């Protein structure tokens, strides 16, 4: 398997419409992400001392090592939440897919 590929995960408000999520994803691709997948997800979390449960948009962003920081910085800059979820995983993938991610 190939190496040096990262998956960054974040969420966006469920109030956003599909085209708004797609626009956010496009900004991330322009910042260096190879691919952004999104779908609705149910989240349960504690915020300001209360347990909350909401539907959100989940984004899974594939990015190379060289573009990882620029994508994370763009999420931090553009994200509507006070404390956005930014979870980063190094991962293995097929050599061809890793090569494509790293070529973006």
Foldseek 3Di string as FASTA:
>chain_A
DDWQKKKKKWKAAPPDDPVVVVVLQVVLVVQFWLDKDKDKDWDWDADPRDIDIHIIIMIITMAGPVRVVSSVVSCVVPGPDPDIGIDMDTDDDPPVVNVSRVVD
